[in-house]
């Protein structure tokens, strides 16, 4: 989905920066394996392979996205499996992405992007 028409008017990120932000999300989803589920109609859950810098990258991106798209609620959690002996985390982390009913189509579009990025 190269067209950004699905980005709602309520997004305050400057138009020129939107393709860059979308590319950041696409890169994350392509580089970090994820399992995606839809536990509720207005919530996606991604289980991401945790590794060096992944949690920080996810949290940073989610925080910046929340700053321009207040309709998103992001929640992260780690599985707590510890490290692999050299200080690197192992296991997985989850990223829940929720929206209000007015933005369900945005969540649908995001789910489609995640699916597409994972198949590259």
C-alpha atoms as a PDB file:
ATOM      1  CA  UNK A   1       0.000   0.000   0.000  1.00  0.00           C
ATOM      2  CA  UNK A   2       2.111   2.877  -1.271  1.00  0.00           C
ATOM      3  CA  UNK A   3      -0.746   5.361  -1.223  1.00  0.00           C
ATOM      4  CA  UNK A   4      -1.041   7.335   2.017  1.00  0.00           C
ATOM      5  CA  UNK A   5      -4.726   8.141   1.482  1.00  0.00           C
ATOM      6  CA  UNK A   6      -5.592   5.939   4.487  1.00  0.00           C
ATOM      7  CA  UNK A   7      -3.776   8.346   6.841  1.00  0.00           C
ATOM      8  CA  UNK A   8      -6.591  10.226   8.602  1.00  0.00           C
ATOM      9  CA  UNK A   9      -6.950  13.993   8.663  1.00  0.00           C
ATOM     10  CA  UNK A  10      -6.549  13.894  12.453  1.00  0.00           C
ATOM     11  CA  UNK A  11      -2.866  12.969  12.025  1.00  0.00           C
ATOM     12  CA  UNK A  12      -0.799  16.060  12.834  1.00  0.00           C
ATOM     13  CA  UNK A  13       2.486  14.781  11.376  1.00  0.00           C
ATOM     14  CA  UNK A  14       3.488  17.153   8.565  1.00  0.00           C
ATOM     15  CA  UNK A  15       2.506  15.689   5.214  1.00  0.00           C
ATOM     16  CA  UNK A  16       6.106  15.685   3.961  1.00  0.00           C
ATOM     17  CA  UNK A  17       7.182  13.515   6.927  1.00  0.00           C
ATOM     18  CA  UNK A  18       4.436  10.896   6.572  1.00  0.00           C
ATOM     19  CA  UNK A  19       6.179   8.715   3.966  1.00  0.00           C
ATOM     20  CA  UNK A  20       9.275   8.637   6.184  1.00  0.00           C
ATOM     21  CA  UNK A  21       7.272   7.517   9.226  1.00  0.00           C
ATOM     22  CA  UNK A  22       5.464   4.854   7.208  1.00  0.00           C
ATOM     23  CA  UNK A  23       8.858   3.646   5.955  1.00  0.00           C
ATOM     24  CA  UNK A  24      10.072   3.372   9.576  1.00  0.00           C
ATOM     25  CA  UNK A  25       7.109   1.158  10.483  1.00  0.00           C
ATOM     26  CA  UNK A  26       7.533  -0.888   7.295  1.00  0.00           C
ATOM     27  CA  UNK A  27      11.234  -1.417   8.050  1.00  0.00           C
ATOM     28  CA  UNK A  28      10.462  -2.537  11.601  1.00  0.00           C
ATOM     29  CA  UNK A  29       7.862  -5.035  10.434  1.00  0.00           C
ATOM     30  CA  UNK A  30      10.148  -6.346   7.680  1.00  0.00           C
ATOM     31  CA  UNK A  31      13.235  -6.670   9.904  1.00  0.00           C
ATOM     32  CA  UNK A  32      11.705  -7.956  13.130  1.00  0.00           C
ATOM     33  CA  UNK A  33       9.605 -11.105  12.713  1.00  0.00           C
ATOM     34  CA  UNK A  34       6.121 -10.636  14.082  1.00  0.00           C
ATOM     35  CA  UNK A  35       3.053 -12.711  14.717  1.00  0.00           C
ATOM     36  CA  UNK A  36      -0.099 -10.636  14.376  1.00  0.00           C
ATOM     37  CA  UNK A  37      -3.475 -11.247  15.951  1.00  0.00           C
ATOM     38  CA  UNK A  38      -6.658  -9.237  16.334  1.00  0.00           C
ATOM     39  CA  UNK A  39      -7.895 -10.031  19.870  1.00  0.00           C
ATOM     40  CA  UNK A  40     -10.533  -7.304  19.594  1.00  0.00           C
ATOM     41  CA  UNK A  41     -11.940  -5.393  16.603  1.00  0.00           C
ATOM     42  CA  UNK A  42     -10.164  -2.206  17.687  1.00  0.00           C
ATOM     43  CA  UNK A  43      -6.862  -3.772  18.802  1.00  0.00           C
ATOM     44  CA  UNK A  44      -3.951  -5.463  17.068  1.00  0.00           C
ATOM     45  CA  UNK A  45      -1.387  -7.485  18.964  1.00  0.00           C
ATOM     46  CA  UNK A  46       2.057  -8.016  17.518  1.00  0.00           C
ATOM     47  CA  UNK A  47       4.465 -10.458  19.092  1.00  0.00           C
ATOM     48  CA  UNK A  48       7.926  -9.346  18.017  1.00  0.00           C
ATOM     49  CA  UNK A  49      11.206 -11.197  18.239  1.00  0.00           C
ATOM     50  CA  UNK A  50      13.089  -9.315  20.961  1.00  0.00           C
ATOM     51  CA  UNK A  51      16.738  -8.627  20.384  1.00  0.00           C
ATOM     52  CA  UNK A  52      19.333  -5.912  20.810  1.00  0.00           C
ATOM     53  CA  UNK A  53      17.672  -2.517  20.521  1.00  0.00           C
ATOM     54  CA  UNK A  54      14.249  -3.827  19.457  1.00  0.00           C
ATOM     55  CA  UNK A  55      12.324  -2.709  22.554  1.00  0.00           C
ATOM     56  CA  UNK A  56      13.868   0.752  22.460  1.00  0.00           C
ATOM     57  CA  UNK A  57      13.155   1.095  18.744  1.00  0.00           C
ATOM     58  CA  UNK A  58       9.537   0.010  19.168  1.00  0.00           C
ATOM     59  CA  UNK A  59       8.939   2.296  22.139  1.00  0.00           C
ATOM     60  CA  UNK A  60      10.530   5.283  20.394  1.00  0.00           C
ATOM     61  CA  UNK A  61       8.472   4.802  17.258  1.00  0.00           C
ATOM     62  CA  UNK A  62       5.260   4.259  19.234  1.00  0.00           C
ATOM     63  CA  UNK A  63       5.907   7.383  21.314  1.00  0.00           C
ATOM     64  CA  UNK A  64       6.507   9.526  18.239  1.00  0.00           C
ATOM     65  CA  UNK A  65       3.413   8.082  16.556  1.00  0.00           C
ATOM     66  CA  UNK A  66       1.294   8.836  19.627  1.00  0.00           C
ATOM     67  CA  UNK A  67       2.503  12.421  19.435  1.00  0.00           C
ATOM     68  CA  UNK A  68       0.971  13.011  16.021  1.00  0.00           C
ATOM     69  CA  UNK A  69      -1.876  10.496  15.973  1.00  0.00           C
ATOM     70  CA  UNK A  70      -3.587  10.745  19.338  1.00  0.00           C
ATOM     71  CA  UNK A  71      -6.184   8.150  18.332  1.00  0.00           C
ATOM     72  CA  UNK A  72      -3.552   5.393  18.716  1.00  0.00           C
ATOM     73  CA  UNK A  73      -2.839   3.727  22.047  1.00  0.00           C
ATOM     74  CA  UNK A  74       0.341   1.674  22.143  1.00  0.00           C
ATOM     75  CA  UNK A  75       1.213  -0.786  24.912  1.00  0.00           C
ATOM     76  CA  UNK A  76       4.417  -2.812  25.035  1.00  0.00           C
ATOM     77  CA  UNK A  77       5.343  -5.772  27.205  1.00  0.00           C
ATOM     78  CA  UNK A  78       8.310  -8.120  27.315  1.00  0.00           C
ATOM     79  CA  UNK A  79       7.998 -11.813  28.039  1.00  0.00           C
ATOM     80  CA  UNK A  80      10.682 -11.597  30.730  1.00  0.00           C
ATOM     81  CA  UNK A  81      12.779 -14.484  29.437  1.00  0.00           C
ATOM     82  CA  UNK A  82      16.045 -12.768  30.386  1.00  0.00           C
ATOM     83  CA  UNK A  83      19.238 -12.558  28.386  1.00  0.00           C
ATOM     84  CA  UNK A  84      21.359 -14.978  26.425  1.00  0.00           C
ATOM     85  CA  UNK A  85      24.480 -14.633  28.572  1.00  0.00           C
ATOM     86  CA  UNK A  86      26.098 -11.715  26.780  1.00  0.00           C
ATOM     87  CA  UNK A  87      23.635  -9.054  27.897  1.00  0.00           C
ATOM     88  CA  UNK A  88      21.302  -9.329  24.921  1.00  0.00           C
ATOM     89  CA  UNK A  89      17.617  -9.968  25.568  1.00  0.00           C
ATOM     90  CA  UNK A  90      16.093 -13.095  24.133  1.00  0.00           C
ATOM     91  CA  UNK A  91      12.496 -14.081  23.714  1.00  0.00           C
ATOM     92  CA  UNK A  92       9.732 -11.828  22.538  1.00  0.00           C
ATOM     93  CA  UNK A  93       7.882  -8.642  23.251  1.00  0.00           C
ATOM     94  CA  UNK A  94       4.343  -7.646  22.451  1.00  0.00           C
ATOM     95  CA  UNK A  95       3.064  -4.426  20.973  1.00  0.00           C
ATOM     96  CA  UNK A  96      -0.648  -3.767  21.294  1.00  0.00           C
ATOM     97  CA  UNK A  97      -2.060  -1.076  19.015  1.00  0.00           C
ATOM     98  CA  UNK A  98      -5.559   0.146  19.806  1.00  0.00           C
ATOM     99  CA  UNK A  99      -7.760   2.791  18.203  1.00  0.00           C
ATOM    100  CA  UNK A 100     -11.143   4.342  18.848  1.00  0.00           C
ATOM    101  CA  UNK A 101     -14.144   3.252  16.721  1.00  0.00           C
ATOM    102  CA  UNK A 102     -13.790   6.219  14.369  1.00  0.00           C
ATOM    103  CA  UNK A 103     -10.337   4.981  13.327  1.00  0.00           C
ATOM    104  CA  UNK A 104     -11.015   1.279  12.799  1.00  0.00           C
ATOM    105  CA  UNK A 105     -10.180   1.647   9.088  1.00  0.00           C
ATOM    106  CA  UNK A 106      -6.730   2.973  10.025  1.00  0.00           C
ATOM    107  CA  UNK A 107      -6.111  -0.137  12.116  1.00  0.00           C
ATOM    108  CA  UNK A 108      -7.264  -2.298   9.197  1.00  0.00           C
ATOM    109  CA  UNK A 109      -4.815  -0.501   6.895  1.00  0.00           C
ATOM    110  CA  UNK A 110      -2.005  -0.918   9.415  1.00  0.00           C
ATOM    111  CA  UNK A 111      -2.734  -4.646   9.700  1.00  0.00           C
ATOM    112  CA  UNK A 112      -2.542  -4.933   5.906  1.00  0.00           C
ATOM    113  CA  UNK A 113       0.807  -3.072   5.864  1.00  0.00           C
ATOM    114  CA  UNK A 114       2.195  -5.389   8.534  1.00  0.00           C
ATOM    115  CA  UNK A 115       1.118  -8.416   6.521  1.00  0.00           C
ATOM    116  CA  UNK A 116       2.681  -7.027   3.344  1.00  0.00           C
ATOM    117  CA  UNK A 117       5.947  -6.038   5.065  1.00  0.00           C
ATOM    118  CA  UNK A 118       6.274  -9.481   6.620  1.00  0.00           C
ATOM    119  CA  UNK A 119       6.126 -11.132   3.199  1.00  0.00           C
ATOM    120  CA  UNK A 120       8.960  -9.088   1.649  1.00  0.00           C
END
